[in-house]
Amino acid sequence: MKGVSLILVCACVLAGICILSLGFGRYPVSPGTIISWLITGGSTDGNVPLIMVSIRLPRMFAAVVAGGALAISGAAYQGLFRNPMVSPDILGVSSGAGFGAALAILLSMSQAFVQLMSFTGGISAVLIAVAVSRAIGRGHDSVLVLVLSGIVVSSLFGALISMLKYVADPLDKLPAITYWLMGSLADIRIRELRTVLFMVAAGAVPLMLVSWRLNVLSFGEEEARSLGLHTGIMRAVVIVCATMVTASVISLCGIIGWVGLVVPHISRFIAGPNHRMLLPVSFLIGSAFMLAVDTVARSAVSVEIPIGIITAVAGAPFFIWVMKKSSIRS
C-alpha cells in the first residue's frame, strides 16, 4: 500500500506541475482558467483553446514522455550494470542519434527524415557496440567490455558529428545542427508525438514487466544464474528496450543529457532500490523534472533556452552533491 501511495503522490505532483506549466508563457493563463477549460472544453477567452491545443498541450505531453522515458531508461541501465554512474547513452545511442540527425540536416532532408535518421543512428550505434563487445569479449568480463565498447563507439560517432559540423554551411546548416544537438521541444506536433509515444510504450512496458529481474541481477551475475535467471537474455531485453526508448526520445527532441543520470538517484532516495517501485517512480519524477525544465526554458527569458543547457546546469551541481554524500557514507 505504501508503494501505491507513493506512486499516487508522484502522479499528483506531476499533474500539478502540468497545470502550472500550461499557464506559463508569453500569454499567461491562470490555473483556474486552465482547469475550467479542461473540464468544460470552453473558455471566455477565445485565445485559450487555440494556444492550448496547438502549442502548449503537445509540448507538455512531449516533455512528460521524454522526461519519463529518459529516467526509466537510466534507472534500467543503472540496475543492469550495477553502477549508479551509468546513463542511457552509455552504449553510444546519443552520439549515434546525433550523427544521424546531423547527416539528415546536412542533406536538407525533411523533419520526418531527420527523426528517422536520428532513430536509426542511435539504434545502429548500440548494435555496433554490442557487436564489438561480442567479438572481443570472450574470456573477459562481458559487462566491462560492453561498457568500454560503448565508450569507443560514442567517441567515434562524436568525431563523425564534428566532421559534419566542420563541412556544414556556417550560415545555414551549422546553426541548425548545433541547435538540434542542444535539445528542444519547440517544434513538437501531435502527429510526431504519436509515433514516439508508441515506441516509448513498446520499450517502457517490457522494462516494467522485468523490473523484478533487475532486483535479482543486482546481486551479481553468478548469484543471478544460481537463482535461475538467464543473464544473457535479461541483458539483451534491457538493452533493446532502453535503447528503443532513448533513441525515440532523442529523435523527437534532440540530445538532452543528465535526466537519465540524475533522476534515478532522486527516485532511489524516495522509493528505495527495489526496481518494481523505482522504475514507475523514476518515470513520474523524470516527467515532472523535464516539464519544469521546459517551462523554465521557454519562460525565463524572451529567447528560448535549449533544454540541454538547463539540464546540465541543474544536473551537474546535484550530481556533485550526490558524490559528496556517497563519499561521506563510505
Protein backbone atom coordinates (compact mmCIF):
# COMPACT_ATOMS: atom_id res chain seq x y z
CA MET A 1 0.00 0.00 0.00
CA LYS A 2 2.96 2.26 0.73
CA GLY A 3 4.21 1.81 -2.82
CA VAL A 4 0.84 2.60 -4.37
CA SER A 5 0.53 5.71 -2.19
CA LEU A 6 3.96 6.91 -3.27
CA ILE A 7 3.10 6.48 -6.95
CA LEU A 8 -0.19 8.35 -6.43
CA VAL A 9 1.62 11.22 -4.68
CA CYS A 10 4.16 11.46 -7.54
CA ALA A 11 1.31 11.39 -10.07
CA CYS A 12 -0.48 14.21 -8.24
CA VAL A 13 2.70 16.30 -8.16
CA LEU A 14 3.13 15.72 -11.89
CA ALA A 15 -0.50 16.75 -12.53
CA GLY A 16 0.01 19.96 -10.54
CA ILE A 17 3.17 20.81 -12.50
CA CYS A 18 1.26 20.14 -15.73
CA ILE A 19 -1.42 22.69 -14.78
CA LEU A 20 1.18 25.28 -13.79
CA SER A 21 3.21 24.65 -16.94
CA LEU A 22 0.21 25.20 -19.18
CA GLY A 23 -0.28 28.63 -17.63
CA PHE A 24 3.26 29.91 -18.15
CA GLY A 25 4.40 31.59 -21.35
CA ARG A 26 4.23 34.80 -23.28
CA TYR A 27 0.44 34.59 -22.98
CA PRO A 28 -0.14 33.75 -19.29
CA VAL A 29 -3.25 31.79 -18.34
CA SER A 30 -4.46 31.34 -14.77
CA PRO A 31 -4.73 27.80 -13.30
CA GLY A 32 -8.47 28.30 -12.75
CA THR A 33 -9.00 29.11 -16.43
CA ILE A 34 -6.99 26.05 -17.45
CA ILE A 35 -8.92 23.71 -15.15
CA SER A 36 -12.24 25.16 -16.34
CA TRP A 37 -11.21 24.70 -19.97
CA LEU A 38 -10.06 21.12 -19.36
CA ILE A 39 -13.37 20.24 -17.68
CA THR A 40 -15.84 22.10 -19.89
CA GLY A 41 -13.88 22.42 -23.13
CA GLY A 42 -14.77 26.11 -23.36
CA SER A 43 -13.40 29.42 -22.14
CA THR A 44 -14.45 33.05 -22.03
CA ASP A 45 -11.02 33.84 -23.52
CA GLY A 46 -11.13 32.77 -27.16
CA ASN A 47 -7.34 32.53 -27.37
CA VAL A 48 -7.07 29.83 -24.70
CA PRO A 49 -8.30 26.83 -26.78
CA LEU A 50 -6.04 27.78 -29.69
CA ILE A 51 -2.95 28.22 -27.51
CA MET A 52 -3.57 25.03 -25.55
CA VAL A 53 -4.40 22.69 -28.42
CA SER A 54 -1.88 23.99 -30.94
CA ILE A 55 1.12 24.78 -28.78
CA ARG A 56 1.15 24.01 -25.07
CA LEU A 57 -0.59 20.65 -24.79
CA PRO A 58 1.61 18.93 -27.43
CA ARG A 59 4.70 20.40 -25.80
CA MET A 60 3.54 19.36 -22.34
CA PHE A 61 2.89 15.77 -23.45
CA ALA A 62 6.27 15.69 -25.22
CA ALA A 63 8.05 16.84 -22.04
CA VAL A 64 6.20 14.24 -19.95
CA VAL A 65 7.03 11.41 -22.36
CA ALA A 66 10.65 12.48 -22.93
CA GLY A 67 11.49 13.02 -19.27
CA GLY A 68 9.84 9.82 -18.11
CA ALA A 69 11.41 7.77 -20.89
CA LEU A 70 14.95 9.01 -20.25
CA ALA A 71 14.55 8.49 -16.50
CA ILE A 72 13.24 4.94 -16.74
CA SER A 73 15.92 4.09 -19.29
CA GLY A 74 18.63 5.42 -16.99
CA ALA A 75 17.25 3.53 -13.99
CA ALA A 76 17.15 0.30 -16.00
CA TYR A 77 20.73 0.74 -17.24
CA GLN A 78 21.99 1.51 -13.73
CA GLY A 79 20.33 -1.65 -12.48
CA LEU A 80 21.66 -3.72 -15.37
CA PHE A 81 25.27 -2.58 -14.98
CA ARG A 82 25.03 -2.26 -11.17
CA ASN A 83 26.61 1.18 -11.43
CA PRO A 84 24.94 4.46 -10.37
CA MET A 85 27.20 6.42 -12.75
CA VAL A 86 25.62 4.85 -15.84
CA SER A 87 23.37 6.95 -18.09
CA PRO A 88 21.15 5.99 -21.07
CA ASP A 89 23.85 6.99 -23.57
CA ILE A 90 26.47 4.61 -22.10
CA LEU A 91 26.42 2.48 -25.29
CA GLY A 92 26.59 5.39 -27.72
CA VAL A 93 22.92 5.89 -28.53
CA SER A 94 23.08 9.68 -28.13
CA SER A 95 26.14 10.11 -30.35
CA GLY A 96 24.71 7.76 -32.99
CA ALA A 97 21.37 9.57 -32.98
CA GLY A 98 23.13 12.92 -33.18
CA PHE A 99 25.15 11.77 -36.16
CA GLY A 100 22.04 10.53 -37.97
CA ALA A 101 20.20 13.80 -37.38
CA ALA A 102 23.22 15.92 -38.34
CA LEU A 103 23.63 13.97 -41.59
CA ALA A 104 19.94 14.41 -42.43
CA ILE A 105 20.12 18.16 -41.73
CA LEU A 106 23.28 18.45 -43.83
CA LEU A 107 21.49 16.72 -46.73
CA SER A 108 18.48 19.08 -46.38
CA MET A 109 16.05 16.29 -45.55
CA SER A 110 12.58 16.92 -44.13
CA GLN A 111 11.84 16.91 -40.40
CA ALA A 112 10.38 13.41 -40.64
CA PHE A 113 13.58 12.08 -42.21
CA VAL A 114 15.68 13.89 -39.58
CA GLN A 115 13.79 11.97 -36.90
CA LEU A 116 14.04 8.70 -38.80
CA MET A 117 17.78 9.11 -39.39
CA SER A 118 18.28 10.05 -35.75
CA PHE A 119 16.43 6.95 -34.53
CA THR A 120 18.31 4.73 -36.99
CA GLY A 121 21.66 6.22 -35.99
CA GLY A 122 21.01 5.64 -32.29
CA ILE A 123 19.99 2.02 -32.79
CA SER A 124 22.95 1.41 -35.13
CA ALA A 125 25.47 2.79 -32.63
CA VAL A 126 24.26 0.42 -29.90
CA LEU A 127 24.27 -2.54 -32.30
CA ILE A 128 27.86 -1.74 -33.24
CA ALA A 129 28.85 -1.50 -29.57
CA VAL A 130 27.23 -4.86 -28.81
CA ALA A 131 28.84 -6.47 -31.88
CA VAL A 132 32.28 -5.17 -30.90
CA SER A 133 31.89 -6.40 -27.33
CA ARG A 134 30.84 -9.87 -28.51
CA ALA A 135 33.76 -10.04 -30.93
CA ILE A 136 36.43 -9.20 -28.35
CA GLY A 137 34.75 -10.13 -25.10
CA ARG A 138 35.46 -13.88 -24.99
CA GLY A 139 37.23 -14.76 -21.78
CA HIS A 140 36.76 -11.28 -20.31
CA ASP A 141 34.22 -9.51 -18.12
CA SER A 142 31.35 -9.14 -20.61
CA VAL A 143 29.79 -6.15 -18.82
CA LEU A 144 33.08 -4.24 -18.68
CA VAL A 145 33.85 -4.98 -22.34
CA LEU A 146 30.35 -3.85 -23.32
CA VAL A 147 30.76 -0.55 -21.48
CA LEU A 148 34.20 0.06 -22.99
CA SER A 149 32.83 -0.75 -26.45
CA GLY A 150 30.05 1.78 -25.90
CA ILE A 151 32.59 4.44 -24.93
CA VAL A 152 34.63 3.76 -28.08
CA VAL A 153 31.58 3.84 -30.35
CA SER A 154 30.34 7.02 -28.69
CA SER A 155 33.70 8.70 -29.29
CA LEU A 156 33.69 7.54 -32.91
CA PHE A 157 30.25 8.96 -33.65
CA GLY A 158 31.16 12.12 -31.74
CA ALA A 159 34.09 12.57 -34.10
CA LEU A 160 31.81 11.99 -37.10
CA ILE A 161 29.44 14.68 -35.80
CA SER A 162 32.37 17.08 -35.52
CA MET A 163 33.32 16.28 -39.10
CA LEU A 164 29.80 17.02 -40.35
CA LYS A 165 29.78 20.31 -38.45
CA TYR A 166 33.14 21.18 -39.97
CA VAL A 167 31.91 20.75 -43.55
CA ALA A 168 28.43 22.24 -42.93
CA ASP A 169 27.48 25.68 -44.27
CA PRO A 170 28.28 28.04 -41.33
CA LEU A 171 25.36 30.34 -42.21
CA ASP A 172 22.63 27.73 -42.58
CA LYS A 173 23.33 24.07 -41.78
CA LEU A 174 25.79 24.51 -38.92
CA PRO A 175 23.40 26.54 -36.70
CA ALA A 176 20.61 24.03 -37.37
CA ILE A 177 22.83 21.08 -36.43
CA THR A 178 24.15 22.83 -33.32
CA TYR A 179 20.68 23.83 -32.13
CA TRP A 180 19.31 20.31 -32.67
CA LEU A 181 22.17 18.78 -30.68
CA MET A 182 21.37 21.03 -27.69
CA GLY A 183 17.79 19.69 -27.47
CA SER A 184 14.47 21.47 -27.74
CA LEU A 185 10.72 20.84 -27.61
CA ALA A 186 9.83 23.97 -29.57
CA ASP A 187 8.57 22.33 -32.77
CA ILE A 188 6.66 19.38 -31.34
CA ARG A 189 3.40 18.44 -33.05
CA ILE A 190 0.81 15.82 -32.10
CA ARG A 191 1.43 13.75 -35.25
CA GLU A 192 5.12 13.35 -34.40
CA LEU A 193 4.32 12.64 -30.77
CA ARG A 194 2.02 9.70 -31.57
CA THR A 195 4.76 7.68 -33.24
CA VAL A 196 7.28 8.38 -30.49
CA LEU A 197 4.70 7.58 -27.80
CA PHE A 198 4.14 4.14 -29.37
CA MET A 199 7.89 3.43 -29.48
CA VAL A 200 8.38 4.60 -25.88
CA ALA A 201 5.48 2.41 -24.69
CA ALA A 202 6.90 -0.57 -26.62
CA GLY A 203 10.16 -0.20 -24.72
CA ALA A 204 8.99 1.02 -21.30
CA VAL A 205 6.26 -1.58 -20.70
CA PRO A 206 8.65 -4.58 -21.02
CA LEU A 207 11.09 -2.82 -18.69
CA MET A 208 8.31 -2.53 -16.11
CA LEU A 209 7.43 -6.21 -16.54
CA VAL A 210 11.01 -7.42 -15.96
CA SER A 211 11.75 -4.97 -13.16
CA TRP A 212 11.86 -7.71 -10.51
CA ARG A 213 14.54 -9.49 -12.53
CA LEU A 214 16.68 -6.36 -12.27
CA ASN A 215 16.49 -6.86 -8.49
CA VAL A 216 17.87 -10.37 -8.92
CA LEU A 217 20.58 -9.15 -11.28
CA SER A 218 21.73 -6.59 -8.71
CA PHE A 219 23.17 -9.46 -6.63
CA GLY A 220 25.70 -10.15 -9.39
CA GLU A 221 25.70 -12.37 -12.46
CA GLU A 222 26.85 -15.55 -10.71
CA GLU A 223 24.25 -15.23 -7.96
CA ALA A 224 21.56 -14.39 -10.55
CA ARG A 225 22.42 -17.50 -12.56
CA SER A 226 22.30 -19.63 -9.43
CA LEU A 227 18.77 -18.31 -8.85
CA GLY A 228 17.73 -19.42 -12.35
CA LEU A 229 17.98 -16.10 -14.20
CA HIS A 230 19.33 -16.22 -17.74
CA THR A 231 21.53 -13.15 -17.51
CA GLY A 232 22.32 -13.02 -21.24
CA ILE A 233 18.67 -12.85 -22.27
CA MET A 234 17.93 -10.38 -19.48
CA ARG A 235 20.76 -8.09 -20.56
CA ALA A 236 19.59 -8.23 -24.17
CA VAL A 237 15.99 -7.36 -23.23
CA VAL A 238 17.02 -4.36 -21.13
CA ILE A 239 19.47 -3.06 -23.74
CA VAL A 240 16.97 -3.39 -26.60
CA CYS A 241 14.09 -1.79 -24.69
CA ALA A 242 16.13 1.01 -23.10
CA THR A 243 17.82 1.79 -26.41
CA MET A 244 14.48 1.95 -28.23
CA VAL A 245 13.12 4.32 -25.59
CA THR A 246 16.17 6.58 -25.60
CA ALA A 247 16.55 6.68 -29.39
CA SER A 248 12.86 7.53 -29.78
CA VAL A 249 13.12 10.48 -27.39
CA ILE A 250 16.33 11.80 -28.97
CA SER A 251 14.78 11.61 -32.44
CA LEU A 252 11.90 13.75 -31.15
CA CYS A 253 13.69 16.47 -29.19
CA GLY A 254 17.44 16.14 -29.69
CA ILE A 255 20.11 15.24 -27.17
CA ILE A 256 19.12 16.04 -23.58
CA GLY A 257 21.67 14.95 -21.03
CA TRP A 258 21.65 14.38 -17.26
CA VAL A 259 17.97 13.41 -16.96
CA GLY A 260 18.67 9.69 -17.18
CA LEU A 261 21.60 10.05 -14.78
CA VAL A 262 20.23 12.36 -12.10
CA VAL A 263 16.53 11.45 -11.85
CA PRO A 264 17.12 7.75 -10.97
CA HIS A 265 19.21 8.94 -8.00
CA ILE A 266 16.39 11.20 -6.81
CA SER A 267 13.92 8.35 -7.28
CA ARG A 268 16.16 5.95 -5.39
CA PHE A 269 16.24 8.32 -2.42
CA ILE A 270 12.44 8.41 -2.44
CA ALA A 271 11.42 4.88 -3.46
CA GLY A 272 14.44 2.77 -2.48
CA PRO A 273 16.41 0.28 -4.60
CA ASN A 274 13.50 -2.04 -5.45
CA HIS A 275 13.13 -1.71 -9.23
CA ARG A 276 9.44 -2.62 -9.10
CA MET A 277 8.93 0.76 -7.43
CA LEU A 278 11.99 2.54 -8.75
CA LEU A 279 11.04 2.36 -12.44
CA PRO A 280 7.50 3.84 -12.22
CA VAL A 281 8.61 6.47 -9.71
CA SER A 282 11.54 7.36 -11.98
CA PHE A 283 9.15 7.80 -14.89
CA LEU A 284 6.89 10.15 -12.94
CA ILE A 285 9.72 12.19 -11.42
CA GLY A 286 11.51 12.34 -14.76
CA SER A 287 8.35 13.65 -16.39
CA ALA A 288 7.92 16.30 -13.72
CA PHE A 289 11.59 17.30 -13.94
CA MET A 290 11.56 17.63 -17.72
CA LEU A 291 8.30 19.57 -17.66
CA ALA A 292 9.68 22.01 -15.10
CA VAL A 293 12.89 22.43 -17.11
CA ASP A 294 10.98 23.02 -20.34
CA THR A 295 8.79 25.62 -18.62
CA VAL A 296 11.90 27.48 -17.50
CA ALA A 297 13.44 27.12 -20.96
CA ARG A 298 10.54 28.84 -22.70
CA SER A 299 9.56 31.32 -19.99
CA ALA A 300 12.72 32.53 -18.23
CA VAL A 301 13.85 34.97 -20.95
CA SER A 302 12.43 36.33 -24.19
CA VAL A 303 14.53 33.89 -26.28
CA GLU A 304 14.03 30.18 -25.65
CA ILE A 305 16.95 28.41 -23.97
CA PRO A 306 17.85 24.91 -25.26
CA ILE A 307 16.78 22.28 -22.73
CA GLY A 308 20.15 20.54 -22.74
CA ILE A 309 21.79 23.64 -21.28
CA ILE A 310 19.34 23.86 -18.37
CA THR A 311 19.50 20.13 -17.56
CA ALA A 312 23.30 20.34 -17.44
CA VAL A 313 23.25 23.46 -15.25
CA ALA A 314 20.76 21.82 -12.89
CA GLY A 315 22.18 18.30 -13.03
CA ALA A 316 25.89 18.89 -12.53
CA PRO A 317 25.66 20.55 -9.07
CA PHE A 318 23.19 17.92 -7.92
CA PHE A 319 25.47 15.10 -9.01
CA ILE A 320 28.41 16.70 -7.22
CA TRP A 321 26.26 16.70 -4.09
CA VAL A 322 25.39 13.02 -4.64
CA MET A 323 29.07 12.09 -4.97
CA LYS A 324 29.90 14.07 -1.81
CA LYS A 325 27.18 12.26 0.16
CA SER A 326 28.40 8.92 -1.16
CA SER A 327 32.00 9.66 -0.12
CA ILE A 328 30.83 10.66 3.36
CA ARG A 329 28.94 7.37 3.76
CA SER A 330 31.91 5.31 2.56
